[in-house]
């Protein structure tokens, strides 16, 4: 999976991006998901669902794919 996520404002959180990409079905799944599945933001390990993502950021979800954050 390679998907572009468009930010409708200044930023989107990692949890919101995962939900928008249908990696998780609800925001409440973000914390347990991030505890179990390695996720990297701009090549750095990340486990905070509230991590702010800005246009140009790249999220790699191990075993699933990539998200690229874009602006409007």
PDB file of N, CA and C in Angstrom:
ATOM      1  N   UNK A   1       0.841  -1.178   0.000  1.00  0.00           N
ATOM      2  CA  UNK A   1       0.000   0.000   0.000  1.00  0.00           C
ATOM      3  C   UNK A   1       0.888   1.243   0.000  1.00  0.00           C
ATOM      4  N   UNK A   2       0.695   2.109  -0.946  1.00  0.00           N
ATOM      5  CA  UNK A   2       1.314   3.426  -0.970  1.00  0.00           C
ATOM      6  C   UNK A   2       0.178   4.418  -1.166  1.00  0.00           C
ATOM      7  N   UNK A   3       0.034   5.321  -0.213  1.00  0.00           N
ATOM      8  CA  UNK A   3      -1.111   6.228  -0.256  1.00  0.00           C
ATOM      9  C   UNK A   3      -0.702   7.634   0.128  1.00  0.00           C
ATOM     10  N   UNK A   4      -1.325   8.619  -0.525  1.00  0.00           N
ATOM     11  CA  UNK A   4      -1.142  10.020  -0.155  1.00  0.00           C
ATOM     12  C   UNK A   4      -2.275  10.433   0.769  1.00  0.00           C
ATOM     13  N   UNK A   5      -1.920  11.085   1.867  1.00  0.00           N
ATOM     14  CA  UNK A   5      -2.906  11.611   2.812  1.00  0.00           C
ATOM     15  C   UNK A   5      -2.814  13.133   2.742  1.00  0.00           C
ATOM     16  N   UNK A   6      -3.938  13.783   2.453  1.00  0.00           N
ATOM     17  CA  UNK A   6      -3.949  15.234   2.317  1.00  0.00           C
ATOM     18  C   UNK A   6      -4.311  15.896   3.636  1.00  0.00           C
ATOM     19  N   UNK A   7      -3.490  16.855   4.039  1.00  0.00           N
ATOM     20  CA  UNK A   7      -3.715  17.615   5.267  1.00  0.00           C
ATOM     21  C   UNK A   7      -4.698  18.733   4.955  1.00  0.00           C
ATOM     22  N   UNK A   8      -5.768  18.838   5.748  1.00  0.00           N
ATOM     23  CA  UNK A   8      -6.751  19.921   5.584  1.00  0.00           C
ATOM     24  C   UNK A   8      -6.557  20.920   6.716  1.00  0.00           C
ATOM     25  N   UNK A   9      -5.450  21.584   6.725  1.00  0.00           N
ATOM     26  CA  UNK A   9      -5.069  22.502   7.789  1.00  0.00           C
ATOM     27  C   UNK A   9      -3.561  22.485   7.886  1.00  0.00           C
ATOM     28  N   UNK A  10      -3.049  22.770   9.067  1.00  0.00           N
ATOM     29  CA  UNK A  10      -1.596  22.837   9.230  1.00  0.00           C
ATOM     30  C   UNK A  10      -0.961  21.453   9.354  1.00  0.00           C
ATOM     31  N   UNK A  11      -1.640  20.522  10.051  1.00  0.00           N
ATOM     32  CA  UNK A  11      -1.076  19.191  10.278  1.00  0.00           C
ATOM     33  C   UNK A  11      -2.187  18.171  10.473  1.00  0.00           C
ATOM     34  N   UNK A  12      -1.795  16.886  10.510  1.00  0.00           N
ATOM     35  CA  UNK A  12      -2.693  15.787  10.847  1.00  0.00           C
ATOM     36  C   UNK A  12      -1.918  14.916  11.837  1.00  0.00           C
ATOM     37  N   UNK A  13      -2.610  14.297  12.778  1.00  0.00           N
ATOM     38  CA  UNK A  13      -1.894  13.435  13.722  1.00  0.00           C
ATOM     39  C   UNK A  13      -1.680  12.054  13.098  1.00  0.00           C
ATOM     40  N   UNK A  14      -0.738  11.335  13.638  1.00  0.00           N
ATOM     41  CA  UNK A  14      -0.447   9.992  13.139  1.00  0.00           C
ATOM     42  C   UNK A  14      -1.680   9.099  13.262  1.00  0.00           C
ATOM     43  N   UNK A  15      -2.384   9.173  14.376  1.00  0.00           N
ATOM     44  CA  UNK A  15      -3.598   8.381  14.551  1.00  0.00           C
ATOM     45  C   UNK A  15      -4.657   8.697  13.506  1.00  0.00           C
ATOM     46  N   UNK A  16      -4.831   9.986  13.206  1.00  0.00           N
ATOM     47  CA  UNK A  16      -5.806  10.390  12.189  1.00  0.00           C
ATOM     48  C   UNK A  16      -5.386   9.895  10.808  1.00  0.00           C
ATOM     49  N   UNK A  17      -4.092   9.965  10.518  1.00  0.00           N
ATOM     50  CA  UNK A  17      -3.595   9.514   9.217  1.00  0.00           C
ATOM     51  C   UNK A  17      -3.803   8.009   9.058  1.00  0.00           C
ATOM     52  N   UNK A  18      -3.549   7.248  10.117  1.00  0.00           N
ATOM     53  CA  UNK A  18      -3.760   5.800  10.050  1.00  0.00           C
ATOM     54  C   UNK A  18      -5.228   5.473   9.808  1.00  0.00           C
ATOM     55  N   UNK A  19      -6.115   6.225  10.443  1.00  0.00           N
ATOM     56  CA  UNK A  19      -7.551   6.007  10.260  1.00  0.00           C
ATOM     57  C   UNK A  19      -7.977   6.399   8.841  1.00  0.00           C
ATOM     58  N   UNK A  20      -7.497   7.534   8.358  1.00  0.00           N
ATOM     59  CA  UNK A  20      -7.868   7.985   7.011  1.00  0.00           C
ATOM     60  C   UNK A  20      -7.390   7.004   5.940  1.00  0.00           C
ATOM     61  N   UNK A  21      -6.250   6.358   6.181  1.00  0.00           N
ATOM     62  CA  UNK A  21      -5.713   5.382   5.229  1.00  0.00           C
ATOM     63  C   UNK A  21      -6.338   3.999   5.407  1.00  0.00           C
ATOM     64  N   UNK A  22      -7.275   3.869   6.341  1.00  0.00           N
ATOM     65  CA  UNK A  22      -7.963   2.608   6.632  1.00  0.00           C
ATOM     66  C   UNK A  22      -7.015   1.529   7.143  1.00  0.00           C
ATOM     67  N   UNK A  23      -5.929   1.942   7.787  1.00  0.00           N
ATOM     68  CA  UNK A  23      -5.021   0.996   8.433  1.00  0.00           C
ATOM     69  C   UNK A  23      -5.661   0.532   9.744  1.00  0.00           C
ATOM     70  N   UNK A  24      -6.356   1.452  10.413  1.00  0.00           N
ATOM     71  CA  UNK A  24      -7.145   1.144  11.600  1.00  0.00           C
ATOM     72  C   UNK A  24      -8.563   1.633  11.340  1.00  0.00           C
ATOM     73  N   UNK A  25      -9.540   1.079  12.050  1.00  0.00           N
ATOM     74  CA  UNK A  25     -10.927   1.474  11.779  1.00  0.00           C
ATOM     75  C   UNK A  25     -11.439   2.569  12.701  1.00  0.00           C
ATOM     76  N   UNK A  26     -10.763   2.767  13.854  1.00  0.00           N
ATOM     77  CA  UNK A  26     -11.194   3.842  14.753  1.00  0.00           C
ATOM     78  C   UNK A  26      -9.977   4.430  15.456  1.00  0.00           C
ATOM     79  N   UNK A  27     -10.122   5.641  15.941  1.00  0.00           N
ATOM     80  CA  UNK A  27      -9.026   6.308  16.637  1.00  0.00           C
ATOM     81  C   UNK A  27      -8.576   5.556  17.877  1.00  0.00           C
ATOM     82  N   UNK A  28      -9.493   4.838  18.512  1.00  0.00           N
ATOM     83  CA  UNK A  28      -9.158   4.081  19.705  1.00  0.00           C
ATOM     84  C   UNK A  28      -8.212   2.914  19.447  1.00  0.00           C
ATOM     85  N   UNK A  29      -8.083   2.514  18.202  1.00  0.00           N
ATOM     86  CA  UNK A  29      -7.178   1.418  17.850  1.00  0.00           C
ATOM     87  C   UNK A  29      -5.748   1.888  17.648  1.00  0.00           C
ATOM     88  N   UNK A  30      -5.528   3.198  17.582  1.00  0.00           N
ATOM     89  CA  UNK A  30      -4.203   3.725  17.255  1.00  0.00           C
ATOM     90  C   UNK A  30      -3.141   3.330  18.272  1.00  0.00           C
ATOM     91  N   UNK A  31      -3.422   3.521  19.550  1.00  0.00           N
ATOM     92  CA  UNK A  31      -2.416   3.246  20.571  1.00  0.00           C
ATOM     93  C   UNK A  31      -1.991   1.777  20.585  1.00  0.00           C
ATOM     94  N   UNK A  32      -2.940   0.814  20.648  1.00  0.00           N
ATOM     95  CA  UNK A  32      -2.522  -0.591  20.613  1.00  0.00           C
ATOM     96  C   UNK A  32      -1.820  -0.966  19.303  1.00  0.00           C
ATOM     97  N   UNK A  33      -2.287  -0.407  18.186  1.00  0.00           N
ATOM     98  CA  UNK A  33      -1.659  -0.688  16.893  1.00  0.00           C
ATOM     99  C   UNK A  33      -0.200  -0.247  16.906  1.00  0.00           C
ATOM    100  N   UNK A  34       0.045   0.984  17.380  1.00  0.00           N
ATOM    101  CA  UNK A  34       1.408   1.516  17.406  1.00  0.00           C
ATOM    102  C   UNK A  34       2.295   0.776  18.400  1.00  0.00           C
ATOM    103  N   UNK A  35       1.700   0.155  19.412  1.00  0.00           N
ATOM    104  CA  UNK A  35       2.475  -0.631  20.378  1.00  0.00           C
ATOM    105  C   UNK A  35       2.928  -1.967  19.772  1.00  0.00           C
ATOM    106  N   UNK A  36       2.186  -2.460  18.778  1.00  0.00           N
ATOM    107  CA  UNK A  36       2.469  -3.765  18.193  1.00  0.00           C
ATOM    108  C   UNK A  36       3.202  -3.715  16.861  1.00  0.00           C
ATOM    109  N   UNK A  37       2.931  -2.704  16.048  1.00  0.00           N
ATOM    110  CA  UNK A  37       3.468  -2.643  14.688  1.00  0.00           C
ATOM    111  C   UNK A  37       4.502  -1.518  14.594  1.00  0.00           C
ATOM    112  N   UNK A  38       5.719  -1.835  14.122  1.00  0.00           N
ATOM    113  CA  UNK A  38       6.719  -0.778  13.959  1.00  0.00           C
ATOM    114  C   UNK A  38       6.290   0.248  12.908  1.00  0.00           C
ATOM    115  N   UNK A  39       6.315   1.529  13.299  1.00  0.00           N
ATOM    116  CA  UNK A  39       5.963   2.628  12.409  1.00  0.00           C
ATOM    117  C   UNK A  39       7.110   3.633  12.449  1.00  0.00           C
ATOM    118  N   UNK A  40       7.481   4.140  11.270  1.00  0.00           N
ATOM    119  CA  UNK A  40       8.576   5.098  11.167  1.00  0.00           C
ATOM    120  C   UNK A  40       8.081   6.354  10.478  1.00  0.00           C
ATOM    121  N   UNK A  41       8.398   7.508  11.062  1.00  0.00           N
ATOM    122  CA  UNK A  41       8.077   8.796  10.466  1.00  0.00           C
ATOM    123  C   UNK A  41       9.408   9.432  10.082  1.00  0.00           C
ATOM    124  N   UNK A  42       9.578   9.675   8.790  1.00  0.00           N
ATOM    125  CA  UNK A  42      10.837  10.229   8.280  1.00  0.00           C
ATOM    126  C   UNK A  42      12.033   9.421   8.778  1.00  0.00           C
ATOM    127  N   UNK A  43      11.888   8.089   8.721  1.00  0.00           N
ATOM    128  CA  UNK A  43      12.932   7.115   9.066  1.00  0.00           C
ATOM    129  C   UNK A  43      13.248   7.022  10.554  1.00  0.00           C
ATOM    130  N   UNK A  44      12.418   7.609  11.413  1.00  0.00           N
ATOM    131  CA  UNK A  44      12.596   7.513  12.862  1.00  0.00           C
ATOM    132  C   UNK A  44      11.413   6.748  13.464  1.00  0.00           C
ATOM    133  N   UNK A  45      11.706   5.794  14.350  1.00  0.00           N
ATOM    134  CA  UNK A  45      10.643   5.013  14.985  1.00  0.00           C
ATOM    135  C   UNK A  45       9.690   5.939  15.735  1.00  0.00           C
ATOM    136  N   UNK A  46       8.393   5.658  15.628  1.00  0.00           N
ATOM    137  CA  UNK A  46       7.379   6.515  16.268  1.00  0.00           C
ATOM    138  C   UNK A  46       6.274   5.656  16.847  1.00  0.00           C
ATOM    139  N   UNK A  47       5.893   5.923  18.103  1.00  0.00           N
ATOM    140  CA  UNK A  47       4.785   5.179  18.712  1.00  0.00           C
ATOM    141  C   UNK A  47       3.760   6.102  19.362  1.00  0.00           C
ATOM    142  N   UNK A  48       3.825   7.393  19.064  1.00  0.00           N
ATOM    143  CA  UNK A  48       2.855   8.355  19.620  1.00  0.00           C
ATOM    144  C   UNK A  48       1.753   8.627  18.598  1.00  0.00           C
ATOM    145  N   UNK A  49       0.510   8.305  18.975  1.00  0.00           N
ATOM    146  CA  UNK A  49      -0.595   8.532  18.033  1.00  0.00           C
ATOM    147  C   UNK A  49      -0.831  10.016  17.782  1.00  0.00           C
ATOM    148  N   UNK A  50      -0.397  10.869  18.696  1.00  0.00           N
ATOM    149  CA  UNK A  50      -0.585  12.310  18.552  1.00  0.00           C
ATOM    150  C   UNK A  50       0.531  13.011  17.809  1.00  0.00           C
ATOM    151  N   UNK A  51       1.485  12.259  17.284  1.00  0.00           N
ATOM    152  CA  UNK A  51       2.595  12.860  16.533  1.00  0.00           C
ATOM    153  C   UNK A  51       2.032  13.677  15.385  1.00  0.00           C
ATOM    154  N   UNK A  52       2.429  14.941  15.295  1.00  0.00           N
ATOM    155  CA  UNK A  52       1.940  15.823  14.236  1.00  0.00           C
ATOM    156  C   UNK A  52       2.702  15.543  12.949  1.00  0.00           C
ATOM    157  N   UNK A  53       1.944  15.369  11.881  1.00  0.00           N
ATOM    158  CA  UNK A  53       2.519  15.130  10.559  1.00  0.00           C
ATOM    159  C   UNK A  53       2.213  16.325   9.675  1.00  0.00           C
ATOM    160  N   UNK A  54       3.208  16.760   8.935  1.00  0.00           N
ATOM    161  CA  UNK A  54       3.097  17.924   8.070  1.00  0.00           C
ATOM    162  C   UNK A  54       3.338  17.513   6.621  1.00  0.00           C
ATOM    163  N   UNK A  55       2.874  18.327   5.656  1.00  0.00           N
ATOM    164  CA  UNK A  55       3.136  18.000   4.252  1.00  0.00           C
ATOM    165  C   UNK A  55       4.631  17.752   4.034  1.00  0.00           C
ATOM    166  N   UNK A  56       4.911  16.665   3.326  1.00  0.00           N
ATOM    167  CA  UNK A  56       6.291  16.269   3.056  1.00  0.00           C
ATOM    168  C   UNK A  56       6.763  15.133   3.945  1.00  0.00           C
ATOM    169  N   UNK A  57       6.039  14.869   5.049  1.00  0.00           N
ATOM    170  CA  UNK A  57       6.416  13.764   5.931  1.00  0.00           C
ATOM    171  C   UNK A  57       6.088  12.432   5.256  1.00  0.00           C
ATOM    172  N   UNK A  58       6.883  11.428   5.583  1.00  0.00           N
ATOM    173  CA  UNK A  58       6.688  10.083   5.041  1.00  0.00           C
ATOM    174  C   UNK A  58       6.567   9.105   6.197  1.00  0.00           C
ATOM    175  N   UNK A  59       5.514   8.296   6.177  1.00  0.00           N
ATOM    176  CA  UNK A  59       5.242   7.313   7.224  1.00  0.00           C
ATOM    177  C   UNK A  59       5.375   5.924   6.617  1.00  0.00           C
ATOM    178  N   UNK A  60       6.231   5.096   7.223  1.00  0.00           N
ATOM    179  CA  UNK A  60       6.390   3.713   6.775  1.00  0.00           C
ATOM    180  C   UNK A  60       5.838   2.803   7.867  1.00  0.00           C
ATOM    181  N   UNK A  61       4.888   1.949   7.493  1.00  0.00           N
ATOM    182  CA  UNK A  61       4.265   1.014   8.422  1.00  0.00           C
ATOM    183  C   UNK A  61       4.771  -0.369   8.037  1.00  0.00           C
ATOM    184  N   UNK A  62       5.579  -0.946   8.914  1.00  0.00           N
ATOM    185  CA  UNK A  62       6.229  -2.214   8.599  1.00  0.00           C
ATOM    186  C   UNK A  62       5.207  -3.286   8.244  1.00  0.00           C
ATOM    187  N   UNK A  63       5.439  -3.939   7.116  1.00  0.00           N
ATOM    188  CA  UNK A  63       4.558  -5.023   6.662  1.00  0.00           C
ATOM    189  C   UNK A  63       3.272  -4.552   6.013  1.00  0.00           C
ATOM    190  N   UNK A  64       3.039  -3.234   5.979  1.00  0.00           N
ATOM    191  CA  UNK A  64       1.786  -2.725   5.404  1.00  0.00           C
ATOM    192  C   UNK A  64       2.053  -1.805   4.223  1.00  0.00           C
ATOM    193  N   UNK A  65       2.905  -0.806   4.402  1.00  0.00           N
ATOM    194  CA  UNK A  65       3.192   0.109   3.286  1.00  0.00           C
ATOM    195  C   UNK A  65       3.579   1.490   3.770  1.00  0.00           C
ATOM    196  N   UNK A  66       3.366   2.473   2.894  1.00  0.00           N
ATOM    197  CA  UNK A  66       3.791   3.851   3.141  1.00  0.00           C
ATOM    198  C   UNK A  66       2.653   4.843   2.977  1.00  0.00           C
ATOM    199  N   UNK A  67       2.740   5.919   3.746  1.00  0.00           N
ATOM    200  CA  UNK A  67       1.840   7.059   3.592  1.00  0.00           C
ATOM    201  C   UNK A  67       2.715   8.281   3.335  1.00  0.00           C
ATOM    202  N   UNK A  68       2.314   9.096   2.398  1.00  0.00           N
ATOM    203  CA  UNK A  68       2.986  10.367   2.155  1.00  0.00           C
ATOM    204  C   UNK A  68       1.997  11.467   2.496  1.00  0.00           C
ATOM    205  N   UNK A  69       2.423  12.405   3.337  1.00  0.00           N
ATOM    206  CA  UNK A  69       1.546  13.494   3.763  1.00  0.00           C
ATOM    207  C   UNK A  69       1.703  14.640   2.765  1.00  0.00           C
ATOM    208  N   UNK A  70       0.564  15.079   2.212  1.00  0.00           N
ATOM    209  CA  UNK A  70       0.580  16.162   1.232  1.00  0.00           C
ATOM    210  C   UNK A  70      -0.307  17.301   1.702  1.00  0.00           C
ATOM    211  N   UNK A  71      -0.098  18.488   1.157  1.00  0.00           N
ATOM    212  CA  UNK A  71      -0.930  19.649   1.479  1.00  0.00           C
ATOM    213  C   UNK A  71      -2.026  19.826   0.455  1.00  0.00           C
ATOM    214  N   UNK A  72      -2.985  20.697   0.754  1.00  0.00           N
ATOM    215  CA  UNK A  72      -4.087  20.959  -0.170  1.00  0.00           C
ATOM    216  C   UNK A  72      -3.611  21.784  -1.339  1.00  0.00           C
TER     217      UNK A  72
END
